[in-house]
Amino acid sequence: MELLEQRILEEGHALPGNVLKVDSFLNQQIAPDLSLKMGEDFAAHFAESHIDRVLTIEASGIAIGLTTALKLGVPLVFARKKKSILMTEEIFSTEIYSYTKKEKNMVLVPKKFLPANENVLIIDDFLANGDSALGLARLVKEAGATVAGIGIVIEKSFQQGYQKVLDAGYPLYSLARIKSLDNCKIEFMD
């Protein structure tokens, strides 16, 4: 997606350790116009997949998940990283390692929000090692639903997540594919 790539080049910062900082429009501050365009792109790409709901993880995936769900006309569900006292019903849970935070989180979704026999589109902000996307896929599978696709805003194609998702057999669509962050320089796939 050319608009996203341009925004990454203008406002993104490649940091040591293969980290891409895009907090001015995606992770800390949200650019609503760009979020809407990204949701439209995901919805158009997965339009023929008969999506019943969108699943993401808090917090950075929520804005893009919401715009995608809005364009598809389906609900958005997000996995929580902490259990609330209000979460008294049965839940699906799985452990996910965060690449940027260098920590493991148990993520939770109430079973009532992830019904069996549905086609679920997973949306996430980054694909690095694949832990978040594959963790959400585990929740979908545990629910007896189908992962209809995985939509990623920014894919770091040089890390192992891309191959892990493909090896797992999930349809993968990324809006921006980073080839390299070597020497703190952002280089996109052709």
N, C-alpha and C. Protein backbone atom coordinates (compact mmCIF):
# COMPACT_ATOMS: atom_id res chain seq x y z
N MET A 1 0.85 -1.18 0.00
CA MET A 1 0.00 0.00 0.00
C MET A 1 0.90 1.24 0.00
N GLU A 2 0.86 1.92 -1.08
CA GLU A 2 1.77 3.04 -1.30
C GLU A 2 1.62 4.16 -0.25
N LEU A 3 0.39 4.46 0.13
CA LEU A 3 0.14 5.50 1.12
C LEU A 3 0.81 5.16 2.46
N LEU A 4 0.70 3.92 2.87
CA LEU A 4 1.33 3.47 4.11
C LEU A 4 2.85 3.51 4.00
N GLU A 5 3.39 3.01 2.91
CA GLU A 5 4.84 3.02 2.73
C GLU A 5 5.39 4.44 2.78
N GLN A 6 4.68 5.37 2.17
CA GLN A 6 5.12 6.76 2.19
C GLN A 6 5.12 7.31 3.62
N ARG A 7 4.09 6.96 4.37
CA ARG A 7 4.00 7.43 5.77
C ARG A 7 5.12 6.82 6.61
N ILE A 8 5.44 5.56 6.35
CA ILE A 8 6.55 4.92 7.07
C ILE A 8 7.86 5.64 6.77
N LEU A 9 8.08 5.96 5.50
CA LEU A 9 9.32 6.65 5.13
C LEU A 9 9.38 8.06 5.72
N GLU A 10 8.25 8.75 5.78
CA GLU A 10 8.22 10.12 6.30
C GLU A 10 8.33 10.18 7.82
N GLU A 11 7.64 9.27 8.51
CA GLU A 11 7.53 9.38 9.96
C GLU A 11 8.11 8.21 10.75
N GLY A 12 8.38 7.10 10.08
CA GLY A 12 8.91 5.93 10.76
C GLY A 12 10.39 6.07 11.07
N HIS A 13 10.82 5.36 12.08
CA HIS A 13 12.23 5.38 12.47
C HIS A 13 12.71 3.94 12.67
N ALA A 14 13.70 3.55 11.89
CA ALA A 14 14.31 2.23 12.07
C ALA A 14 15.31 2.34 13.22
N LEU A 15 15.16 1.47 14.19
CA LEU A 15 16.01 1.48 15.37
C LEU A 15 16.87 0.23 15.40
N PRO A 16 17.95 0.25 16.16
CA PRO A 16 18.77 -0.96 16.30
C PRO A 16 17.93 -2.14 16.81
N GLY A 17 18.30 -3.33 16.41
CA GLY A 17 17.57 -4.53 16.82
C GLY A 17 16.38 -4.85 15.94
N ASN A 18 16.37 -4.32 14.71
CA ASN A 18 15.29 -4.57 13.75
C ASN A 18 13.92 -4.11 14.24
N VAL A 19 13.91 -2.97 14.92
CA VAL A 19 12.67 -2.39 15.43
C VAL A 19 12.30 -1.20 14.55
N LEU A 20 11.04 -1.11 14.19
CA LEU A 20 10.53 0.01 13.42
C LEU A 20 9.54 0.78 14.29
N LYS A 21 9.85 2.03 14.56
CA LYS A 21 9.01 2.87 15.40
C LYS A 21 8.07 3.68 14.51
N VAL A 22 6.77 3.45 14.67
CA VAL A 22 5.75 4.15 13.90
C VAL A 22 4.66 4.69 14.83
N ASP A 23 5.10 5.17 15.97
CA ASP A 23 4.16 5.61 16.99
C ASP A 23 3.40 6.88 16.65
N SER A 24 3.86 7.63 15.65
CA SER A 24 3.18 8.88 15.31
C SER A 24 1.91 8.68 14.49
N PHE A 25 1.70 7.44 13.97
CA PHE A 25 0.48 7.21 13.19
C PHE A 25 -0.15 5.84 13.40
N LEU A 26 0.50 4.92 14.13
CA LEU A 26 -0.04 3.57 14.25
C LEU A 26 -0.11 3.04 15.68
N ASN A 27 0.92 3.26 16.47
CA ASN A 27 0.99 2.59 17.77
C ASN A 27 0.66 3.44 18.99
N GLN A 28 0.97 4.70 18.98
CA GLN A 28 0.68 5.55 20.12
C GLN A 28 -0.35 6.61 19.74
N GLN A 29 -0.08 7.26 18.65
CA GLN A 29 -1.02 8.21 18.06
C GLN A 29 -1.58 7.54 16.80
N ILE A 30 -2.87 7.67 16.59
CA ILE A 30 -3.52 7.01 15.46
C ILE A 30 -3.88 8.05 14.40
N ALA A 31 -3.55 7.77 13.16
CA ALA A 31 -3.96 8.61 12.04
C ALA A 31 -5.27 8.04 11.50
N PRO A 32 -6.42 8.65 11.84
CA PRO A 32 -7.71 8.09 11.44
C PRO A 32 -7.88 7.93 9.93
N ASP A 33 -7.40 8.89 9.15
CA ASP A 33 -7.55 8.80 7.70
C ASP A 33 -6.78 7.60 7.15
N LEU A 34 -5.58 7.40 7.63
CA LEU A 34 -4.78 6.27 7.19
C LEU A 34 -5.38 4.96 7.69
N SER A 35 -5.86 4.94 8.93
CA SER A 35 -6.49 3.74 9.49
C SER A 35 -7.69 3.32 8.65
N LEU A 36 -8.47 4.30 8.23
CA LEU A 36 -9.64 4.00 7.40
C LEU A 36 -9.22 3.42 6.05
N LYS A 37 -8.21 4.00 5.44
CA LYS A 37 -7.71 3.48 4.15
C LYS A 37 -7.18 2.06 4.29
N MET A 38 -6.48 1.79 5.39
CA MET A 38 -5.95 0.44 5.61
C MET A 38 -7.09 -0.55 5.81
N GLY A 39 -8.12 -0.15 6.58
CA GLY A 39 -9.29 -1.02 6.76
C GLY A 39 -10.00 -1.30 5.45
N GLU A 40 -10.10 -0.28 4.61
CA GLU A 40 -10.71 -0.47 3.28
C GLU A 40 -9.91 -1.45 2.45
N ASP A 41 -8.59 -1.35 2.51
CA ASP A 41 -7.72 -2.24 1.74
C ASP A 41 -7.88 -3.69 2.21
N PHE A 42 -7.84 -3.90 3.53
CA PHE A 42 -8.03 -5.26 4.06
C PHE A 42 -9.40 -5.80 3.69
N ALA A 43 -10.44 -4.99 3.83
CA ALA A 43 -11.80 -5.44 3.52
C ALA A 43 -11.93 -5.81 2.05
N ALA A 44 -11.34 -5.02 1.18
CA ALA A 44 -11.39 -5.33 -0.25
C ALA A 44 -10.65 -6.64 -0.55
N HIS A 45 -9.48 -6.81 0.07
CA HIS A 45 -8.69 -8.02 -0.20
C HIS A 45 -9.42 -9.28 0.27
N PHE A 46 -10.06 -9.22 1.42
CA PHE A 46 -10.71 -10.40 1.99
C PHE A 46 -12.22 -10.44 1.73
N ALA A 47 -12.71 -9.63 0.80
CA ALA A 47 -14.15 -9.52 0.53
C ALA A 47 -14.79 -10.85 0.15
N GLU A 48 -14.07 -11.69 -0.57
CA GLU A 48 -14.62 -12.97 -1.03
C GLU A 48 -14.43 -14.09 -0.02
N SER A 49 -13.88 -13.79 1.15
CA SER A 49 -13.59 -14.82 2.16
C SER A 49 -14.73 -15.05 3.14
N HIS A 50 -15.85 -14.35 2.96
CA HIS A 50 -17.04 -14.54 3.80
C HIS A 50 -16.71 -14.42 5.29
N ILE A 51 -16.11 -13.30 5.65
CA ILE A 51 -15.68 -13.04 7.02
C ILE A 51 -16.89 -12.82 7.92
N ASP A 52 -16.89 -13.50 9.06
CA ASP A 52 -17.96 -13.33 10.06
C ASP A 52 -17.57 -12.37 11.17
N ARG A 53 -16.27 -12.30 11.47
CA ARG A 53 -15.79 -11.36 12.48
C ARG A 53 -14.29 -11.14 12.31
N VAL A 54 -13.82 -10.03 12.86
CA VAL A 54 -12.40 -9.69 12.86
C VAL A 54 -11.88 -9.86 14.27
N LEU A 55 -10.68 -10.43 14.39
CA LEU A 55 -10.04 -10.63 15.69
C LEU A 55 -8.68 -9.95 15.67
N THR A 56 -8.39 -9.21 16.73
CA THR A 56 -7.09 -8.58 16.89
C THR A 56 -6.68 -8.68 18.35
N ILE A 57 -5.58 -8.04 18.67
CA ILE A 57 -5.06 -8.06 20.03
C ILE A 57 -4.91 -6.62 20.49
N GLU A 58 -5.20 -6.38 21.78
CA GLU A 58 -5.02 -5.02 22.27
C GLU A 58 -3.55 -4.67 22.32
N ALA A 59 -3.15 -3.48 22.10
CA ALA A 59 -3.97 -2.32 21.83
C ALA A 59 -3.77 -1.83 20.40
N SER A 60 -2.60 -2.03 19.84
CA SER A 60 -2.29 -1.42 18.53
C SER A 60 -3.12 -1.97 17.38
N GLY A 61 -3.63 -3.16 17.49
CA GLY A 61 -4.44 -3.71 16.41
C GLY A 61 -5.87 -3.23 16.38
N ILE A 62 -6.33 -2.59 17.45
CA ILE A 62 -7.75 -2.25 17.55
C ILE A 62 -8.18 -1.24 16.49
N ALA A 63 -7.43 -0.19 16.27
CA ALA A 63 -7.85 0.83 15.30
C ALA A 63 -8.00 0.24 13.90
N ILE A 64 -7.02 -0.54 13.46
CA ILE A 64 -7.08 -1.12 12.12
C ILE A 64 -8.13 -2.22 12.07
N GLY A 65 -8.22 -3.00 13.14
CA GLY A 65 -9.26 -4.02 13.20
C GLY A 65 -10.65 -3.41 13.11
N LEU A 66 -10.84 -2.28 13.79
CA LEU A 66 -12.14 -1.61 13.77
C LEU A 66 -12.51 -1.11 12.38
N THR A 67 -11.57 -0.46 11.70
CA THR A 67 -11.89 0.05 10.37
C THR A 67 -12.13 -1.09 9.38
N THR A 68 -11.41 -2.19 9.56
CA THR A 68 -11.61 -3.36 8.70
C THR A 68 -12.99 -3.97 8.96
N ALA A 69 -13.33 -4.16 10.22
CA ALA A 69 -14.63 -4.73 10.58
C ALA A 69 -15.77 -3.83 10.11
N LEU A 70 -15.58 -2.53 10.24
CA LEU A 70 -16.59 -1.57 9.78
C LEU A 70 -16.85 -1.73 8.29
N LYS A 71 -15.78 -1.82 7.51
CA LYS A 71 -15.92 -1.96 6.06
C LYS A 71 -16.50 -3.31 5.66
N LEU A 72 -16.23 -4.35 6.46
CA LEU A 72 -16.78 -5.68 6.18
C LEU A 72 -18.20 -5.85 6.73
N GLY A 73 -18.60 -4.95 7.64
CA GLY A 73 -19.93 -5.04 8.25
C GLY A 73 -20.05 -6.18 9.26
N VAL A 74 -18.94 -6.44 9.98
CA VAL A 74 -18.92 -7.53 10.95
C VAL A 74 -18.40 -7.01 12.29
N PRO A 75 -18.56 -7.78 13.37
CA PRO A 75 -18.03 -7.34 14.66
C PRO A 75 -16.51 -7.45 14.73
N LEU A 76 -15.94 -6.63 15.60
CA LEU A 76 -14.52 -6.71 15.94
C LEU A 76 -14.42 -7.26 17.35
N VAL A 77 -13.54 -8.22 17.54
CA VAL A 77 -13.24 -8.77 18.86
C VAL A 77 -11.76 -8.58 19.09
N PHE A 78 -11.39 -8.18 20.31
CA PHE A 78 -9.96 -8.11 20.58
C PHE A 78 -9.60 -8.93 21.79
N ALA A 79 -8.45 -9.58 21.70
CA ALA A 79 -7.92 -10.37 22.80
C ALA A 79 -7.31 -9.43 23.82
N ARG A 80 -7.66 -9.62 25.06
CA ARG A 80 -7.13 -8.81 26.16
C ARG A 80 -5.84 -9.44 26.69
N LYS A 81 -4.97 -8.57 27.19
CA LYS A 81 -3.72 -9.04 27.77
C LYS A 81 -3.81 -9.23 29.28
N LYS A 82 -4.87 -8.73 29.87
CA LYS A 82 -5.10 -8.90 31.31
C LYS A 82 -6.57 -9.22 31.54
N LYS A 83 -6.81 -10.09 32.49
CA LYS A 83 -8.18 -10.46 32.82
C LYS A 83 -8.79 -9.40 33.73
N SER A 84 -9.94 -8.93 33.33
CA SER A 84 -10.70 -7.96 34.11
C SER A 84 -11.58 -8.70 35.11
N ILE A 85 -11.95 -8.02 36.21
CA ILE A 85 -12.87 -8.64 37.16
C ILE A 85 -14.25 -8.84 36.53
N LEU A 86 -14.52 -8.12 35.46
CA LEU A 86 -15.79 -8.26 34.75
C LEU A 86 -15.81 -9.47 33.82
N MET A 87 -14.66 -10.05 33.56
CA MET A 87 -14.56 -11.20 32.67
C MET A 87 -14.80 -12.47 33.49
N THR A 88 -16.09 -12.77 33.70
CA THR A 88 -16.46 -13.90 34.57
C THR A 88 -16.89 -15.13 33.78
N GLU A 89 -17.12 -14.96 32.49
CA GLU A 89 -17.56 -16.07 31.67
C GLU A 89 -16.37 -16.95 31.24
N GLU A 90 -16.69 -18.05 30.57
CA GLU A 90 -15.64 -18.93 30.07
C GLU A 90 -14.83 -18.21 29.00
N ILE A 91 -13.52 -18.52 28.96
CA ILE A 91 -12.63 -17.82 28.03
C ILE A 91 -11.75 -18.81 27.26
N PHE A 92 -11.29 -18.34 26.11
CA PHE A 92 -10.20 -18.99 25.40
C PHE A 92 -8.95 -18.20 25.78
N SER A 93 -7.83 -18.90 25.93
CA SER A 93 -6.60 -18.19 26.27
C SER A 93 -5.40 -18.88 25.63
N THR A 94 -4.37 -18.09 25.40
CA THR A 94 -3.11 -18.61 24.89
C THR A 94 -2.01 -17.63 25.27
N GLU A 95 -0.79 -18.14 25.34
CA GLU A 95 0.35 -17.29 25.68
C GLU A 95 1.01 -16.79 24.40
N ILE A 96 1.32 -15.50 24.38
CA ILE A 96 1.95 -14.88 23.21
C ILE A 96 3.16 -14.08 23.68
N TYR A 97 4.26 -14.22 22.96
CA TYR A 97 5.47 -13.46 23.24
C TYR A 97 5.48 -12.19 22.40
N SER A 98 5.73 -11.05 23.05
CA SER A 98 5.80 -9.77 22.36
C SER A 98 7.24 -9.48 21.96
N TYR A 99 7.48 -9.31 20.67
CA TYR A 99 8.82 -9.04 20.15
C TYR A 99 9.35 -7.70 20.66
N THR A 100 8.51 -6.67 20.62
CA THR A 100 9.00 -5.33 21.01
C THR A 100 9.05 -5.13 22.52
N LYS A 101 8.18 -5.81 23.25
CA LYS A 101 8.19 -5.66 24.71
C LYS A 101 9.04 -6.71 25.40
N LYS A 102 9.45 -7.73 24.65
CA LYS A 102 10.29 -8.80 25.18
C LYS A 102 9.67 -9.45 26.42
N GLU A 103 8.36 -9.74 26.32
CA GLU A 103 7.66 -10.37 27.43
C GLU A 103 6.55 -11.27 26.90
N LYS A 104 6.16 -12.22 27.73
CA LYS A 104 5.05 -13.11 27.40
C LYS A 104 3.79 -12.57 28.05
N ASN A 105 2.69 -12.67 27.32
CA ASN A 105 1.38 -12.29 27.83
C ASN A 105 0.40 -13.42 27.59
N MET A 106 -0.45 -13.66 28.56
CA MET A 106 -1.57 -14.57 28.37
C MET A 106 -2.69 -13.71 27.79
N VAL A 107 -3.16 -14.03 26.59
CA VAL A 107 -4.24 -13.25 25.99
C VAL A 107 -5.54 -14.03 26.09
N LEU A 108 -6.63 -13.29 26.25
CA LEU A 108 -7.91 -13.89 26.60
C LEU A 108 -9.03 -13.33 25.72
N VAL A 109 -9.93 -14.22 25.32
CA VAL A 109 -11.14 -13.83 24.60
C VAL A 109 -12.30 -14.62 25.20
N PRO A 110 -13.37 -13.94 25.62
CA PRO A 110 -14.55 -14.67 26.09
C PRO A 110 -15.08 -15.57 24.98
N LYS A 111 -15.43 -16.79 25.35
CA LYS A 111 -15.92 -17.77 24.37
C LYS A 111 -17.13 -17.26 23.60
N LYS A 112 -17.98 -16.47 24.25
CA LYS A 112 -19.19 -15.98 23.58
C LYS A 112 -18.87 -15.04 22.41
N PHE A 113 -17.65 -14.46 22.39
CA PHE A 113 -17.29 -13.55 21.32
C PHE A 113 -16.48 -14.22 20.20
N LEU A 114 -16.27 -15.52 20.32
CA LEU A 114 -15.53 -16.26 19.29
C LEU A 114 -16.25 -17.59 19.04
N PRO A 115 -17.41 -17.52 18.38
CA PRO A 115 -18.22 -18.72 18.17
C PRO A 115 -17.59 -19.70 17.17
N ALA A 116 -17.97 -20.94 17.31
CA ALA A 116 -17.53 -21.98 16.38
C ALA A 116 -18.15 -21.76 15.01
N ASN A 117 -17.55 -22.37 14.03
CA ASN A 117 -18.07 -22.41 12.66
C ASN A 117 -18.15 -21.06 11.97
N GLU A 118 -17.32 -20.12 12.40
CA GLU A 118 -17.27 -18.82 11.73
C GLU A 118 -15.94 -18.67 11.00
N ASN A 119 -15.93 -17.76 10.03
CA ASN A 119 -14.69 -17.39 9.33
C ASN A 119 -14.16 -16.12 9.98
N VAL A 120 -12.97 -16.22 10.53
CA VAL A 120 -12.39 -15.13 11.30
C VAL A 120 -11.19 -14.56 10.56
N LEU A 121 -11.17 -13.24 10.44
CA LEU A 121 -10.03 -12.53 9.87
C LEU A 121 -9.22 -11.96 11.02
N ILE A 122 -7.96 -12.33 11.08
CA ILE A 122 -7.04 -11.81 12.10
C ILE A 122 -6.34 -10.59 11.53
N ILE A 123 -6.34 -9.51 12.29
CA ILE A 123 -5.65 -8.28 11.90
C ILE A 123 -4.65 -7.94 12.99
N ASP A 124 -3.42 -7.60 12.58
CA ASP A 124 -2.41 -7.18 13.55
C ASP A 124 -1.55 -6.09 12.94
N ASP A 125 -0.92 -5.32 13.80
CA ASP A 125 -0.13 -4.19 13.32
C ASP A 125 1.20 -4.63 12.72
N PHE A 126 1.90 -5.56 13.36
CA PHE A 126 3.21 -6.00 12.88
C PHE A 126 3.28 -7.52 12.78
N LEU A 127 4.08 -7.99 11.86
CA LEU A 127 4.46 -9.40 11.79
C LEU A 127 5.98 -9.43 11.84
N ALA A 128 6.52 -9.94 12.94
CA ALA A 128 7.97 -10.08 13.11
C ALA A 128 8.29 -11.57 13.22
N ASN A 129 8.12 -12.12 14.41
CA ASN A 129 8.38 -13.55 14.61
C ASN A 129 7.13 -14.40 14.45
N GLY A 130 5.98 -13.77 14.30
CA GLY A 130 4.74 -14.50 14.05
C GLY A 130 4.00 -14.94 15.29
N ASP A 131 4.52 -14.61 16.46
CA ASP A 131 3.91 -15.11 17.69
C ASP A 131 2.49 -14.60 17.91
N SER A 132 2.25 -13.32 17.66
CA SER A 132 0.90 -12.77 17.87
C SER A 132 -0.10 -13.36 16.88
N ALA A 133 0.25 -13.34 15.61
CA ALA A 133 -0.67 -13.85 14.59
C ALA A 133 -0.98 -15.33 14.82
N LEU A 134 0.04 -16.11 15.10
CA LEU A 134 -0.18 -17.55 15.31
C LEU A 134 -0.87 -17.83 16.64
N GLY A 135 -0.64 -16.98 17.63
CA GLY A 135 -1.35 -17.12 18.91
C GLY A 135 -2.83 -16.86 18.73
N LEU A 136 -3.17 -15.81 17.98
CA LEU A 136 -4.58 -15.54 17.70
C LEU A 136 -5.20 -16.66 16.88
N ALA A 137 -4.43 -17.21 15.95
CA ALA A 137 -4.91 -18.36 15.16
C ALA A 137 -5.21 -19.55 16.07
N ARG A 138 -4.38 -19.75 17.10
CA ARG A 138 -4.65 -20.84 18.05
C ARG A 138 -6.00 -20.63 18.75
N LEU A 139 -6.31 -19.39 19.11
CA LEU A 139 -7.59 -19.10 19.76
C LEU A 139 -8.76 -19.42 18.82
N VAL A 140 -8.62 -19.03 17.56
CA VAL A 140 -9.66 -19.29 16.56
C VAL A 140 -9.87 -20.80 16.41
N LYS A 141 -8.77 -21.52 16.30
CA LYS A 141 -8.85 -22.98 16.14
C LYS A 141 -9.48 -23.63 17.38
N GLU A 142 -9.08 -23.16 18.57
CA GLU A 142 -9.64 -23.70 19.82
C GLU A 142 -11.15 -23.46 19.88
N ALA A 143 -11.60 -22.36 19.28
CA ALA A 143 -13.03 -22.03 19.27
C ALA A 143 -13.82 -22.89 18.28
N GLY A 144 -13.11 -23.59 17.41
CA GLY A 144 -13.80 -24.38 16.38
C GLY A 144 -14.18 -23.53 15.18
N ALA A 145 -13.52 -22.40 15.04
CA ALA A 145 -13.76 -21.50 13.90
C ALA A 145 -12.60 -21.66 12.92
N THR A 146 -12.67 -20.94 11.81
CA THR A 146 -11.67 -21.02 10.75
C THR A 146 -10.96 -19.69 10.59
N VAL A 147 -9.63 -19.76 10.48
CA VAL A 147 -8.86 -18.56 10.16
C VAL A 147 -8.99 -18.35 8.66
N ALA A 148 -9.78 -17.36 8.28
CA ALA A 148 -10.02 -17.08 6.86
C ALA A 148 -8.86 -16.30 6.25
N GLY A 149 -8.06 -15.67 7.09
CA GLY A 149 -6.91 -14.92 6.62
C GLY A 149 -6.26 -14.16 7.75
N ILE A 150 -5.05 -13.72 7.50
CA ILE A 150 -4.31 -12.90 8.44
C ILE A 150 -3.87 -11.64 7.70
N GLY A 151 -4.32 -10.50 8.19
CA GLY A 151 -3.96 -9.21 7.61
C GLY A 151 -2.98 -8.50 8.52
N ILE A 152 -1.87 -8.08 7.94
CA ILE A 152 -0.80 -7.44 8.70
C ILE A 152 -0.57 -6.04 8.13
N VAL A 153 -0.47 -5.05 9.01
CA VAL A 153 -0.18 -3.70 8.54
C VAL A 153 1.25 -3.62 8.04
N ILE A 154 2.22 -3.99 8.89
CA ILE A 154 3.64 -3.93 8.51
C ILE A 154 4.29 -5.28 8.77
N GLU A 155 4.73 -5.89 7.71
CA GLU A 155 5.40 -7.19 7.78
C GLU A 155 6.91 -6.98 7.65
N LYS A 156 7.65 -7.52 8.60
CA LYS A 156 9.11 -7.54 8.50
C LYS A 156 9.47 -8.86 7.84
N SER A 157 9.53 -8.84 6.52
CA SER A 157 9.68 -10.05 5.72
C SER A 157 10.99 -10.78 5.99
N PHE A 158 11.96 -10.09 6.51
CA PHE A 158 13.27 -10.69 6.78
C PHE A 158 13.30 -11.47 8.09
N GLN A 159 12.24 -11.39 8.89
CA GLN A 159 12.17 -12.15 10.13
C GLN A 159 11.35 -13.41 9.89
N GLN A 160 11.36 -14.31 10.82
CA GLN A 160 10.80 -15.65 10.62
C GLN A 160 9.28 -15.73 10.63
N GLY A 161 8.57 -14.70 11.08
CA GLY A 161 7.12 -14.75 11.16
C GLY A 161 6.43 -14.98 9.83
N TYR A 162 6.93 -14.33 8.79
CA TYR A 162 6.36 -14.47 7.45
C TYR A 162 6.32 -15.95 7.06
N GLN A 163 7.45 -16.62 7.19
CA GLN A 163 7.53 -18.03 6.80
C GLN A 163 6.70 -18.92 7.72
N LYS A 164 6.69 -18.61 9.01
CA LYS A 164 5.89 -19.39 9.96
C LYS A 164 4.40 -19.35 9.61
N VAL A 165 3.90 -18.18 9.27
CA VAL A 165 2.48 -18.05 8.91
C VAL A 165 2.19 -18.81 7.63
N LEU A 166 3.07 -18.68 6.64
CA LEU A 166 2.87 -19.42 5.39
C LEU A 166 2.94 -20.93 5.62
N ASP A 167 3.91 -21.38 6.42
CA ASP A 167 4.04 -22.81 6.73
C ASP A 167 2.81 -23.36 7.45
N ALA A 168 2.16 -22.50 8.24
CA ALA A 168 0.95 -22.92 8.95
C ALA A 168 -0.26 -22.99 8.00
N GLY A 169 -0.11 -22.47 6.78
CA GLY A 169 -1.15 -22.58 5.77
C GLY A 169 -2.20 -21.49 5.79
N TYR A 170 -1.93 -20.40 6.48
CA TYR A 170 -2.92 -19.32 6.55
C TYR A 170 -2.72 -18.32 5.42
N PRO A 171 -3.81 -17.86 4.80
CA PRO A 171 -3.70 -16.80 3.81
C PRO A 171 -3.17 -15.53 4.49
N LEU A 172 -2.11 -14.97 3.94
CA LEU A 172 -1.46 -13.81 4.54
C LEU A 172 -1.48 -12.65 3.55
N TYR A 173 -1.87 -11.48 4.05
CA TYR A 173 -1.87 -10.27 3.23
C TYR A 173 -1.32 -9.13 4.08
N SER A 174 -0.25 -8.51 3.60
CA SER A 174 0.39 -7.42 4.32
C SER A 174 0.33 -6.15 3.48
N LEU A 175 0.09 -5.04 4.16
CA LEU A 175 -0.02 -3.75 3.46
C LEU A 175 1.34 -3.16 3.12
N ALA A 176 2.31 -3.36 3.98
CA ALA A 176 3.69 -2.90 3.72
C ALA A 176 4.63 -4.03 4.12
N ARG A 177 5.54 -4.36 3.21
CA ARG A 177 6.48 -5.46 3.45
C ARG A 177 7.90 -4.89 3.51
N ILE A 178 8.50 -4.99 4.68
CA ILE A 178 9.84 -4.45 4.89
C ILE A 178 10.86 -5.53 4.54
N LYS A 179 11.74 -5.19 3.64
CA LYS A 179 12.80 -6.11 3.22
C LYS A 179 13.97 -6.09 4.19
N SER A 180 14.28 -4.89 4.70
CA SER A 180 15.44 -4.75 5.57
C SER A 180 15.34 -3.48 6.40
N LEU A 181 15.89 -3.56 7.60
CA LEU A 181 16.08 -2.39 8.46
C LEU A 181 17.56 -2.25 8.80
N ASP A 182 18.41 -2.83 7.96
CA ASP A 182 19.86 -2.78 8.19
C ASP A 182 20.36 -1.35 8.24
N ASN A 183 21.29 -1.12 9.13
CA ASN A 183 21.89 0.21 9.31
C ASN A 183 20.84 1.28 9.56
N CYS A 184 19.74 0.87 10.19
CA CYS A 184 18.63 1.79 10.53
C CYS A 184 18.05 2.48 9.30
N LYS A 185 18.07 1.78 8.17
CA LYS A 185 17.49 2.28 6.92
C LYS A 185 16.33 1.37 6.53
N ILE A 186 15.20 1.96 6.17
CA ILE A 186 13.99 1.22 5.81
C ILE A 186 14.01 0.89 4.33
N GLU A 187 13.93 -0.40 4.01
CA GLU A 187 13.91 -0.84 2.62
C GLU A 187 12.72 -1.79 2.44
N PHE A 188 11.87 -1.48 1.46
CA PHE A 188 10.67 -2.27 1.19
C PHE A 188 10.95 -3.37 0.18
N MET A 189 10.10 -4.40 0.22
CA MET A 189 10.13 -5.45 -0.80
C MET A 189 9.66 -4.83 -2.11
N ASP A 190 10.11 -5.39 -3.22
CA ASP A 190 9.67 -4.89 -4.53
C ASP A 190 8.26 -5.26 -4.84
